[in-house]
N, C-alpha and C. Protein backbone atom coordinates (compact mmCIF):
# COMPACT_ATOMS: atom_id res chain seq x y z
N MET A 1 0.94 -1.30 0.26
CA MET A 1 -0.48 -0.44 -0.08
C MET A 1 0.90 1.19 0.24
N LYS A 2 0.68 2.42 -1.00
CA LYS A 2 1.76 3.28 -0.70
C LYS A 2 1.33 4.25 -0.04
N VAL A 3 1.77 5.55 0.52
CA VAL A 3 1.53 6.03 1.52
C VAL A 3 1.15 7.60 0.82
N ILE A 4 0.03 8.34 0.75
CA ILE A 4 -0.74 8.93 0.28
C ILE A 4 0.22 10.57 0.88
N ASN A 5 0.38 11.42 -0.17
CA ASN A 5 0.95 12.77 0.27
C ASN A 5 0.92 13.62 -0.47
N ASP A 6 1.22 14.88 -0.52
CA ASP A 6 0.68 15.62 -1.48
C ASP A 6 1.43 15.96 -2.78
N GLN A 7 2.67 15.36 -2.67
CA GLN A 7 3.43 15.23 -4.32
C GLN A 7 2.45 13.79 -4.60
N SER A 8 2.34 12.79 -4.30
CA SER A 8 1.45 11.53 -4.96
C SER A 8 0.38 12.58 -5.60
N VAL A 9 -0.56 12.89 -4.86
CA VAL A 9 -1.81 13.11 -5.26
C VAL A 9 -1.47 14.58 -6.51
N GLN A 10 -0.44 15.23 -6.05
CA GLN A 10 -0.06 16.87 -7.48
C GLN A 10 0.36 15.59 -9.15
N ARG A 11 1.17 15.00 -8.54
CA ARG A 11 1.54 13.71 -9.98
C ARG A 11 0.25 13.31 -10.36
N MET A 12 -0.53 12.87 -9.58
CA MET A 12 -1.35 12.28 -10.31
C MET A 12 -2.59 13.26 -11.19
N GLU A 13 -2.33 14.54 -9.79
CA GLU A 13 -3.39 15.43 -10.92
C GLU A 13 -2.61 16.16 -12.08
N ARG A 14 -1.46 16.05 -12.08
CA ARG A 14 -0.66 16.33 -13.23
C ARG A 14 -0.91 15.44 -14.62
N ILE A 15 -0.73 14.38 -14.37
CA ILE A 15 -1.02 12.97 -15.84
C ILE A 15 -2.12 13.46 -15.85
N LEU A 16 -3.35 13.16 -14.84
CA LEU A 16 -4.77 13.44 -15.21
C LEU A 16 -4.57 14.62 -16.08
N ASP A 17 -4.02 15.70 -15.77
CA ASP A 17 -4.60 17.13 -16.46
C ASP A 17 -3.54 16.85 -17.40
N ASP A 18 -2.32 15.88 -18.03
CA ASP A 18 -2.08 15.78 -19.23
C ASP A 18 -2.62 14.79 -20.19
N ARG A 19 -2.96 13.82 -19.72
CA ARG A 19 -4.18 13.23 -20.57
C ARG A 19 -5.17 13.92 -21.39
N GLN A 20 -5.85 14.78 -20.37
CA GLN A 20 -7.01 15.28 -21.09
C GLN A 20 -6.88 16.73 -22.39
N ARG A 21 -5.53 17.21 -21.81
CA ARG A 21 -4.55 18.00 -22.68
C ARG A 21 -4.51 17.26 -24.33
N LEU A 22 -3.47 15.65 -24.07
CA LEU A 22 -3.03 14.94 -24.87
C LEU A 22 -4.35 15.00 -25.39
N GLU A 23 -5.31 14.09 -25.47
CA GLU A 23 -6.81 13.91 -25.74
C GLU A 23 -7.12 14.86 -26.92
N ALA A 24 -7.42 16.37 -25.90
CA ALA A 24 -8.13 17.33 -26.61
C ALA A 24 -6.98 17.61 -28.05
N GLN A 25 -6.03 17.63 -27.93
CA GLN A 25 -5.34 17.71 -29.07
C GLN A 25 -5.07 17.15 -30.31
N LEU A 26 -5.32 15.57 -29.71
CA LEU A 26 -5.46 14.35 -30.73
C LEU A 26 -6.98 14.59 -31.37
N ASP A 27 -7.82 15.21 -30.55
CA ASP A 27 -9.39 15.45 -31.01
C ASP A 27 -9.34 16.42 -31.92
N GLU A 28 -8.79 17.62 -32.09
CA GLU A 28 -8.03 18.36 -32.85
C GLU A 28 -7.27 18.58 -34.13
N GLU A 29 -6.59 17.49 -34.05
CA GLU A 29 -6.34 16.64 -34.99
C GLU A 29 -7.03 16.02 -35.96
N ARG A 30 -7.81 15.45 -35.05
CA ARG A 30 -8.71 14.34 -35.70
C ARG A 30 -9.56 15.24 -36.94
N ARG A 31 -9.88 16.28 -36.44
CA ARG A 31 -10.86 17.67 -37.02
C ARG A 31 -10.42 17.74 -38.21
N ARG A 32 -8.86 18.30 -37.66
CA ARG A 32 -8.18 18.72 -39.35
C ARG A 32 -7.91 17.85 -40.38
N TYR A 33 -7.85 16.70 -39.97
CA TYR A 33 -7.29 15.92 -40.85
C TYR A 33 -8.80 15.68 -41.53
N LYS A 34 -9.81 15.19 -40.84
CA LYS A 34 -11.12 15.50 -41.61
C LYS A 34 -11.41 17.26 -42.78
N TRP A 35 -11.09 17.65 -42.14
CA TRP A 35 -11.56 19.13 -42.60
C TRP A 35 -10.56 19.22 -44.10
N TRP A 36 -9.19 18.80 -43.75
CA TRP A 36 -8.34 18.66 -44.88
C TRP A 36 -8.38 18.13 -45.92
N THR A 37 -9.18 17.02 -45.57
CA THR A 37 -9.66 15.68 -46.79
C THR A 37 -10.53 16.06 -47.37
N LYS A 38 -11.36 16.74 -46.91
CA LYS A 38 -12.73 17.92 -47.98
C LYS A 38 -11.81 19.10 -48.86
N LEU A 39 -11.09 19.70 -48.14
CA LEU A 39 -10.75 21.02 -48.45
C LEU A 39 -10.17 20.84 -49.96
N PHE A 40 -8.95 20.19 -50.72
CA PHE A 40 -8.19 19.71 -51.38
C PHE A 40 -8.77 19.16 -52.43
N ASN A 41 -8.47 19.35 -53.86
CA ASN A 41 -8.74 18.88 -54.58
C ASN A 41 -7.70 18.24 -55.27
N ASP A 42 -6.24 19.18 -55.08
CA ASP A 42 -4.68 18.57 -55.38
C ASP A 42 -4.43 17.60 -54.41
N PRO A 43 -4.20 16.25 -54.99
CA PRO A 43 -4.12 15.05 -54.12
C PRO A 43 -2.49 15.34 -54.00
N ALA A 44 -1.79 16.03 -54.52
CA ALA A 44 -0.32 15.74 -53.79
C ALA A 44 -0.04 16.79 -52.54
N GLU A 45 -1.58 17.60 -52.97
CA GLU A 45 -0.63 19.02 -51.86
C GLU A 45 -1.58 18.24 -50.45
N GLN A 46 -2.91 17.78 -50.56
CA GLN A 46 -3.71 16.87 -49.64
C GLN A 46 -2.85 16.22 -49.17
N GLU A 47 -1.74 15.48 -49.71
CA GLU A 47 -0.92 14.10 -49.27
C GLU A 47 0.12 14.41 -48.30
N ARG A 48 0.62 15.64 -48.67
CA ARG A 48 1.75 16.59 -48.05
C ARG A 48 0.91 17.10 -46.45
N LEU A 49 -0.33 17.14 -46.80
CA LEU A 49 -0.40 18.33 -45.44
C LEU A 49 -1.38 16.61 -44.48
N LEU A 50 -1.91 15.93 -45.39
CA LEU A 50 -2.44 15.06 -44.21
C LEU A 50 -1.37 13.99 -43.46
N SER A 51 -0.25 13.58 -44.22
CA SER A 51 0.97 13.38 -43.75
C SER A 51 1.08 13.67 -42.77
N GLY A 52 1.49 15.60 -42.49
CA GLY A 52 1.94 16.09 -41.20
C GLY A 52 1.29 16.36 -39.96
N ILE A 53 -0.29 15.86 -40.71
CA ILE A 53 -1.52 15.94 -39.50
C ILE A 53 -1.12 14.67 -39.23
N HIS A 54 -1.18 13.61 -40.03
CA HIS A 54 -1.04 11.79 -39.52
C HIS A 54 0.21 12.22 -38.18
N LYS A 55 1.45 11.80 -39.14
CA LYS A 55 2.21 12.35 -37.97
C LYS A 55 2.76 13.26 -36.68
N LYS A 56 1.81 13.98 -36.32
CA LYS A 56 1.60 14.71 -35.01
C LYS A 56 0.32 13.86 -34.44
N GLY A 57 -0.16 13.22 -35.02
CA GLY A 57 -1.83 12.35 -34.46
C GLY A 57 -1.00 10.85 -34.05
N GLU A 58 0.15 10.63 -34.86
CA GLU A 58 0.66 9.44 -33.96
C GLU A 58 1.40 9.62 -33.06
N ALA A 59 2.43 11.16 -32.96
CA ALA A 59 2.91 11.14 -31.92
C ALA A 59 2.05 11.44 -30.80
N LEU A 60 1.44 12.31 -30.95
CA LEU A 60 0.36 12.49 -29.38
C LEU A 60 -0.55 11.43 -29.07
N LYS A 61 -0.40 10.27 -29.74
CA LYS A 61 -1.27 8.95 -29.32
C LYS A 61 -0.29 8.04 -28.59
N ALA A 62 1.12 8.30 -28.70
CA ALA A 62 2.63 7.39 -27.81
C ALA A 62 2.30 8.27 -27.03
N GLU A 63 2.60 9.35 -27.04
CA GLU A 63 2.82 10.29 -25.61
C GLU A 63 2.03 10.21 -24.74
N LEU A 64 0.44 9.68 -25.11
CA LEU A 64 -1.26 9.28 -24.65
C LEU A 64 -0.64 8.09 -23.92
N ALA A 65 -0.30 6.85 -24.79
CA ALA A 65 0.01 6.05 -24.24
C ALA A 65 0.84 5.63 -23.19
N ALA A 66 1.74 6.29 -23.50
CA ALA A 66 3.08 6.39 -22.34
C ALA A 66 2.02 6.99 -20.83
N LEU A 67 1.60 7.35 -20.88
CA LEU A 67 0.73 7.93 -19.34
C LEU A 67 0.33 6.88 -18.57
N PRO A 68 0.32 6.71 -17.09
CA PRO A 68 -0.16 5.78 -16.59
C PRO A 68 -1.21 5.48 -16.79
N GLU A 69 -1.99 3.85 -16.43
CA GLU A 69 -3.21 3.73 -16.61
C GLU A 69 -3.57 3.81 -15.01
N TYR A 70 -4.66 4.45 -14.73
CA TYR A 70 -5.64 4.33 -13.45
C TYR A 70 -6.74 3.32 -13.95
N PRO A 71 -6.75 2.13 -13.24
CA PRO A 71 -7.93 1.42 -13.42
C PRO A 71 -9.11 1.81 -12.53
N THR A 72 -10.65 1.61 -12.61
CA THR A 72 -11.61 1.53 -12.02
C THR A 72 -11.21 1.11 -10.70
N LEU A 73 -12.14 0.99 -9.58
CA LEU A 73 -12.09 0.46 -8.87
C LEU A 73 -12.79 -0.95 -8.57
N ARG A 74 -13.51 -0.79 -10.19
CA ARG A 74 -14.15 -2.20 -10.30
C ARG A 74 -13.05 -3.21 -10.84
N VAL A 75 -12.37 -2.97 -11.43
CA VAL A 75 -11.52 -3.43 -11.71
C VAL A 75 -10.43 -3.95 -11.28
N HIS A 76 -9.69 -2.82 -10.39
CA HIS A 76 -8.94 -3.11 -9.19
C HIS A 76 -9.38 -4.13 -8.48
N ALA A 77 -10.84 -3.72 -8.17
CA ALA A 77 -11.34 -5.25 -6.84
C ALA A 77 -11.40 -6.41 -7.19
N ASP A 78 -11.23 -6.18 -8.88
CA ASP A 78 -11.66 -7.61 -9.30
C ASP A 78 -10.43 -8.63 -9.64
N LYS A 79 -9.62 -7.49 -9.30
CA LYS A 79 -7.98 -8.42 -9.26
C LYS A 79 -7.51 -8.36 -8.15
N ASN A 80 -8.18 -7.61 -6.84
CA ASN A 80 -8.13 -7.94 -5.34
C ASN A 80 -8.59 -7.09 -4.70
N GLU A 81 -9.68 -7.18 -4.71
CA GLU A 81 -10.79 -7.22 -3.59
C GLU A 81 -10.24 -6.12 -2.63
N GLN A 82 -9.77 -7.06 -1.37
CA GLN A 82 -8.42 -6.53 -0.08
C GLN A 82 -7.86 -5.24 -0.46
N ASP A 83 -6.84 -5.63 -1.36
CA ASP A 83 -5.66 -4.62 -1.71
C ASP A 83 -6.97 -3.22 -2.04
N CYS A 84 -7.72 -3.36 -2.88
CA CYS A 84 -8.54 -2.59 -3.67
C CYS A 84 -9.58 -1.28 -1.91
N THR A 85 -10.10 -1.97 -1.09
CA THR A 85 -10.78 -1.87 -0.12
C THR A 85 -9.45 -1.60 0.82
N ASP A 86 -7.99 -1.82 1.17
CA ASP A 86 -7.32 -0.93 1.93
C ASP A 86 -6.97 0.18 1.48
N ALA A 87 -6.81 0.09 0.28
CA ALA A 87 -6.19 1.78 -0.70
C ALA A 87 -7.34 2.76 -0.43
N LEU A 88 -8.55 2.11 -0.54
CA LEU A 88 -10.15 3.42 0.36
C LEU A 88 -9.80 3.51 1.27
N LEU A 89 -9.15 2.83 2.29
CA LEU A 89 -9.28 2.85 3.41
C LEU A 89 -8.39 4.18 3.66
N LEU A 90 -6.98 3.47 3.59
CA LEU A 90 -6.12 4.44 3.73
C LEU A 90 -6.43 5.83 3.18
N ILE A 91 -6.85 6.07 2.26
CA ILE A 91 -7.45 7.54 1.60
C ILE A 91 -8.21 7.89 2.85
N ILE A 92 -9.19 7.14 3.40
CA ILE A 92 -10.38 7.42 3.84
C ILE A 92 -9.77 8.25 5.51
N VAL A 93 -8.45 7.23 5.77
CA VAL A 93 -7.85 7.56 7.17
C VAL A 93 -6.65 9.24 6.89
N TRP A 94 -6.18 9.13 5.70
CA TRP A 94 -5.41 10.14 5.19
C TRP A 94 -6.25 11.59 5.15
N LEU A 95 -7.57 11.16 4.61
CA LEU A 95 -8.64 12.77 4.72
C LEU A 95 -8.86 12.44 6.25
N GLY A 96 -9.08 11.91 6.99
CA GLY A 96 -9.30 12.31 8.63
C GLY A 96 -8.43 13.17 9.04
N GLU A 97 -7.02 12.91 9.11
CA GLU A 97 -6.05 13.26 9.32
C GLU A 97 -5.89 14.46 8.96
N GLN A 98 -6.34 15.23 7.97
CA GLN A 98 -5.72 16.43 7.30
C GLN A 98 -7.08 17.60 7.84
N LEU A 99 -7.96 17.00 8.38
CA LEU A 99 -9.08 17.79 9.09
C LEU A 99 -9.14 18.03 10.77
N ASN A 100 -9.75 18.87 11.43
CA ASN A 100 -9.72 18.69 12.71
C ASN A 100 -11.03 19.06 12.46
N VAL A 101 -11.53 17.90 12.69
CA VAL A 101 -13.35 17.74 13.04
C VAL A 101 -13.18 16.07 12.98
N PRO A 102 -14.56 15.95 14.37
CA PRO A 102 -14.48 14.67 14.52
C PRO A 102 -14.64 13.86 13.67
N GLY A 103 -14.07 12.35 13.70
CA GLY A 103 -14.19 11.98 12.39
C GLY A 103 -14.80 10.52 12.88
N MET A 104 -14.60 9.23 11.90
CA MET A 104 -15.32 7.98 12.12
C MET A 104 -14.08 7.44 12.36
N ASN A 105 -14.61 6.09 13.42
CA ASN A 105 -13.95 5.10 13.83
C ASN A 105 -13.76 4.07 12.72
N GLU A 106 -12.83 2.85 13.42
CA GLU A 106 -12.54 2.53 12.20
C GLU A 106 -13.27 1.55 11.52
N ALA A 107 -14.78 1.21 11.90
CA ALA A 107 -15.90 0.50 11.36
C ALA A 107 -16.28 0.90 10.39
N GLN A 108 -16.49 2.49 10.96
CA GLN A 108 -16.94 3.14 9.81
C GLN A 108 -16.55 3.39 9.11
N MET A 109 -15.12 3.55 9.00
CA MET A 109 -13.96 3.67 7.84
C MET A 109 -14.45 2.40 6.73
N ARG A 110 -14.10 1.41 7.76
CA ARG A 110 -14.95 0.06 6.81
C ARG A 110 -15.38 0.20 6.22
N THR A 111 -16.32 0.50 6.43
CA THR A 111 -18.07 0.16 5.85
C THR A 111 -17.96 1.45 4.68
N MET A 112 -17.18 2.41 4.82
CA MET A 112 -17.32 3.60 4.03
C MET A 112 -16.62 2.95 2.69
N ALA A 113 -15.28 2.46 3.06
CA ALA A 113 -14.22 2.43 1.87
C ALA A 113 -15.62 1.12 1.36
N VAL A 114 -16.17 -0.29 2.09
CA VAL A 114 -16.79 -0.70 1.03
C VAL A 114 -17.53 0.07 0.27
N ASP A 115 -18.37 0.91 1.29
CA ASP A 115 -19.35 1.70 0.23
C ASP A 115 -18.61 2.19 -0.69
N ILE A 116 -17.90 2.78 -0.60
CA ILE A 116 -17.52 3.55 -1.86
C ILE A 116 -17.20 2.49 -3.35
N LEU A 117 -16.39 1.85 -3.24
CA LEU A 117 -16.25 0.32 -4.06
C LEU A 117 -17.35 -0.07 -4.87
N GLY A 118 -18.72 0.11 -3.99
CA GLY A 118 -19.83 -0.28 -4.19
C GLY A 118 -20.47 0.74 -4.75
N ALA A 119 -20.49 1.57 -4.68
CA ALA A 119 -21.46 3.21 -5.03
C ALA A 119 -20.41 3.57 -6.44
N TYR A 120 -19.72 3.87 -6.11
CA TYR A 120 -18.80 4.17 -7.00
C TYR A 120 -17.84 3.64 -7.72
N GLY A 121 -18.19 2.66 -8.40
CA GLY A 121 -17.00 1.37 -8.86
C GLY A 121 -16.18 1.82 -10.19
N SER A 122 -17.35 3.13 -11.02
CA SER A 122 -16.53 3.82 -11.72
C SER A 122 -15.51 4.37 -11.97
N PHE A 123 -15.18 5.10 -10.84
CA PHE A 123 -14.44 5.65 -10.32
C PHE A 123 -12.61 5.37 -10.11
N ARG A 124 -11.98 6.04 -10.42
CA ARG A 124 -10.36 5.27 -10.34
C ARG A 124 -9.89 5.92 -8.25
N LEU A 125 -9.06 5.09 -7.80
CA LEU A 125 -8.69 5.48 -6.37
C LEU A 125 -8.13 6.99 -6.32
N GLU A 126 -7.49 7.47 -7.99
CA GLU A 126 -6.97 8.75 -7.96
C GLU A 126 -8.87 9.55 -8.00
N ASP A 127 -9.79 9.11 -8.39
CA ASP A 127 -10.79 10.23 -8.83
C ASP A 127 -11.20 10.24 -7.06
N VAL A 128 -11.13 9.34 -6.16
CA VAL A 128 -11.61 9.31 -4.77
C VAL A 128 -10.18 10.68 -4.03
N LEU A 129 -9.66 10.44 -4.54
CA LEU A 129 -8.25 11.65 -3.66
C LEU A 129 -8.73 12.60 -4.55
N ILE A 130 -8.69 12.62 -5.81
CA ILE A 130 -9.12 14.40 -6.30
C ILE A 130 -10.62 14.52 -5.44
N CYS A 131 -11.53 13.92 -5.18
CA CYS A 131 -12.82 14.09 -4.76
C CYS A 131 -12.63 15.16 -3.52
N PHE A 132 -11.93 14.09 -2.46
CA PHE A 132 -11.86 14.73 -1.15
C PHE A 132 -10.63 15.31 -1.12
N ARG A 133 -9.64 15.53 -2.16
CA ARG A 133 -8.98 16.85 -1.88
C ARG A 133 -9.62 18.50 -2.24
N THR A 134 -10.14 18.46 -3.22
CA THR A 134 -11.30 19.36 -3.39
C THR A 134 -12.10 19.81 -2.29
N ALA A 135 -12.77 18.57 -1.78
CA ALA A 135 -13.57 18.97 -0.74
C ALA A 135 -12.59 19.52 0.36
N LEU A 136 -11.20 19.04 0.50
CA LEU A 136 -10.69 19.64 1.76
C LEU A 136 -10.52 21.16 1.58
N ARG A 137 -10.44 21.56 -0.04
CA ARG A 137 -9.88 23.11 -0.07
C ARG A 137 -11.13 23.56 -0.44
N GLY A 138 -12.24 23.25 0.23
CA GLY A 138 -13.67 24.02 -0.03
C GLY A 138 -14.43 24.00 -1.20
N GLY A 139 -13.97 23.09 -1.99
CA GLY A 139 -14.75 22.93 -3.12
C GLY A 139 -15.86 22.59 -3.28
N TYR A 140 -16.47 21.94 -2.34
CA TYR A 140 -17.87 21.37 -2.29
C TYR A 140 -18.46 22.12 -0.60
N GLY A 141 -17.95 23.18 -0.39
CA GLY A 141 -18.80 24.15 0.98
C GLY A 141 -18.07 23.79 2.18
N THR A 142 -18.20 24.44 2.82
CA THR A 142 -17.86 24.81 4.12
C THR A 142 -17.71 23.03 4.64
N ILE A 143 -17.03 22.92 5.44
CA ILE A 143 -16.91 21.34 6.20
C ILE A 143 -17.46 21.88 7.97
N TYR A 144 -18.52 21.24 7.93
CA TYR A 144 -18.92 21.57 9.41
C TYR A 144 -19.10 20.85 9.98
N ASN A 145 -17.99 21.08 11.34
CA ASN A 145 -17.30 20.04 12.36
C ASN A 145 -17.95 18.36 12.23
N ARG A 146 -17.90 17.92 11.28
CA ARG A 146 -17.95 16.34 11.03
C ARG A 146 -17.43 16.03 10.15
N LEU A 147 -17.09 14.62 9.85
CA LEU A 147 -16.82 13.76 8.88
C LEU A 147 -17.44 12.02 8.70
N ASP A 148 -18.60 11.92 8.46
CA ASP A 148 -19.19 11.12 8.15
C ASP A 148 -19.51 10.14 6.78
N MET A 149 -20.67 9.20 7.11
CA MET A 149 -20.49 8.77 5.89
C MET A 149 -21.18 9.57 4.66
N ALA A 150 -22.37 10.32 5.22
CA ALA A 150 -23.10 11.45 4.77
C ALA A 150 -22.58 12.53 3.89
N VAL A 151 -21.57 13.08 4.66
CA VAL A 151 -20.33 13.69 3.95
C VAL A 151 -19.96 13.57 3.09
N LEU A 152 -19.52 12.16 3.14
CA LEU A 152 -18.47 11.65 2.20
C LEU A 152 -19.06 11.39 1.18
N HIS A 153 -20.43 11.06 1.12
CA HIS A 153 -20.76 10.67 -0.38
C HIS A 153 -21.72 11.92 -0.97
N GLU A 154 -21.70 12.49 0.10
CA GLU A 154 -22.28 14.05 -0.61
C GLU A 154 -21.08 14.86 -1.58
N TRP A 155 -19.89 14.60 -1.23
CA TRP A 155 -19.01 14.49 -1.78
C TRP A 155 -18.77 14.26 -3.16
N LEU A 156 -18.72 13.11 -2.68
CA LEU A 156 -18.62 11.62 -3.99
C LEU A 156 -19.87 12.13 -4.86
N GLY A 157 -21.00 12.66 -4.66
CA GLY A 157 -22.11 12.50 -5.66
C GLY A 157 -21.59 14.12 -6.30
N LYS A 158 -21.11 15.10 -5.89
CA LYS A 158 -20.78 16.22 -6.16
C LYS A 158 -19.45 16.17 -7.67
N TYR A 159 -19.03 15.24 -6.83
CA TYR A 159 -17.47 14.71 -7.78
C TYR A 159 -18.43 14.01 -8.85
N ARG A 160 -18.91 13.23 -8.46
CA ARG A 160 -19.71 12.18 -10.00
C ARG A 160 -20.17 13.69 -10.89
N ALA A 161 -21.13 14.39 -10.27
CA ALA A 161 -21.62 15.14 -11.50
C ALA A 161 -20.78 16.22 -12.10
N GLU A 162 -18.82 16.47 -11.87
CA GLU A 162 -18.70 17.36 -12.11
C GLU A 162 -18.08 16.72 -13.06
N LEU A 163 -17.88 15.37 -13.16
CA LEU A 163 -17.55 14.33 -14.16
C LEU A 163 -18.49 14.22 -15.45
N ASP A 164 -19.64 13.82 -15.10
CA ASP A 164 -21.23 13.63 -15.68
C ASP A 164 -20.89 15.10 -17.03
N ARG A 165 -20.48 16.35 -16.28
CA ARG A 165 -20.97 17.56 -17.06
C ARG A 165 -19.49 17.69 -17.74
N GLU A 166 -18.13 17.58 -16.97
CA GLU A 166 -17.08 17.48 -18.29
C GLU A 166 -17.30 16.86 -19.48
N ARG A 167 -17.82 15.30 -19.01
CA ARG A 167 -17.96 14.08 -20.12
C ARG A 167 -19.34 15.08 -21.18
N SER A 168 -20.43 15.37 -20.72
CA SER A 168 -20.86 16.02 -21.57
C SER A 168 -20.92 16.67 -22.79
N GLY A 169 -19.97 17.72 -21.89
CA GLY A 169 -19.31 18.77 -22.81
C GLY A 169 -18.53 18.41 -23.43
N LYS A 170 -17.49 17.36 -23.70
CA LYS A 170 -16.57 17.12 -24.62
C LYS A 170 -17.32 16.41 -25.45
N ALA A 171 -17.92 15.33 -24.66
CA ALA A 171 -19.11 14.90 -26.63
C ALA A 171 -20.15 15.90 -27.08
N GLU A 172 -20.84 17.23 -26.35
CA GLU A 172 -21.20 18.08 -27.23
C GLU A 172 -19.95 18.50 -28.31
N SER A 173 -19.01 18.69 -27.63
CA SER A 173 -17.74 19.48 -28.54
C SER A 173 -17.69 18.95 -29.77
N VAL A 174 -17.66 17.28 -29.40
CA VAL A 174 -17.00 16.54 -30.61
C VAL A 174 -18.52 16.53 -31.66
N ARG A 175 -19.52 16.12 -31.27
CA ARG A 175 -20.34 16.35 -32.05
C ARG A 175 -20.94 17.95 -32.56
N ALA A 176 -20.28 18.70 -32.14
CA ALA A 176 -20.49 20.42 -32.94
C ALA A 176 -19.36 19.94 -33.65
N SER A 177 -17.97 19.60 -33.73
CA SER A 177 -17.09 19.35 -34.73
C SER A 177 -17.13 18.42 -36.02
N ASN A 178 -18.10 17.63 -35.55
CA ASN A 178 -18.02 16.57 -36.44
C ASN A 178 -19.16 17.03 -37.39
N LYS A 179 -20.10 18.24 -37.43
CA LYS A 179 -20.87 18.84 -38.15
C LYS A 179 -20.36 19.15 -39.80
């Protein structure tokens, strides 16, 4: 089990930001490729431009493939459920240590870890960390002298809503660019 610290969370956030940036650049290259195929009648000129776009797209794909993959909780649990639950428990313990409020006892934390695995199986461990880190920064409102399952579920629900908005925004952007 790895230790959670600010550097590991920041590294993970950087990797996720890099992934999003590279995916956006790759989408842009795909749009450019589609646009250029329609624009030029001169096959030689079209081939020259498309070749450059293709090379850049391949470079972006390689860079994207080199980034570490973060499996979903469900995939992680399928490989080793105890390890996944322990990792979630470690994240919850870390969260409790960051706050100056009455926290959860060990049984509540274990129950919450299993609860997260069941209710948010499409999340990655990194998503849970980002959610809790956002909450620590006040991103989901003021923390009022308690840390319990209801509060954690509220934060995770807000994080899920953010992810859903991001995904629908990206889907709209792709649909608009394909018109």
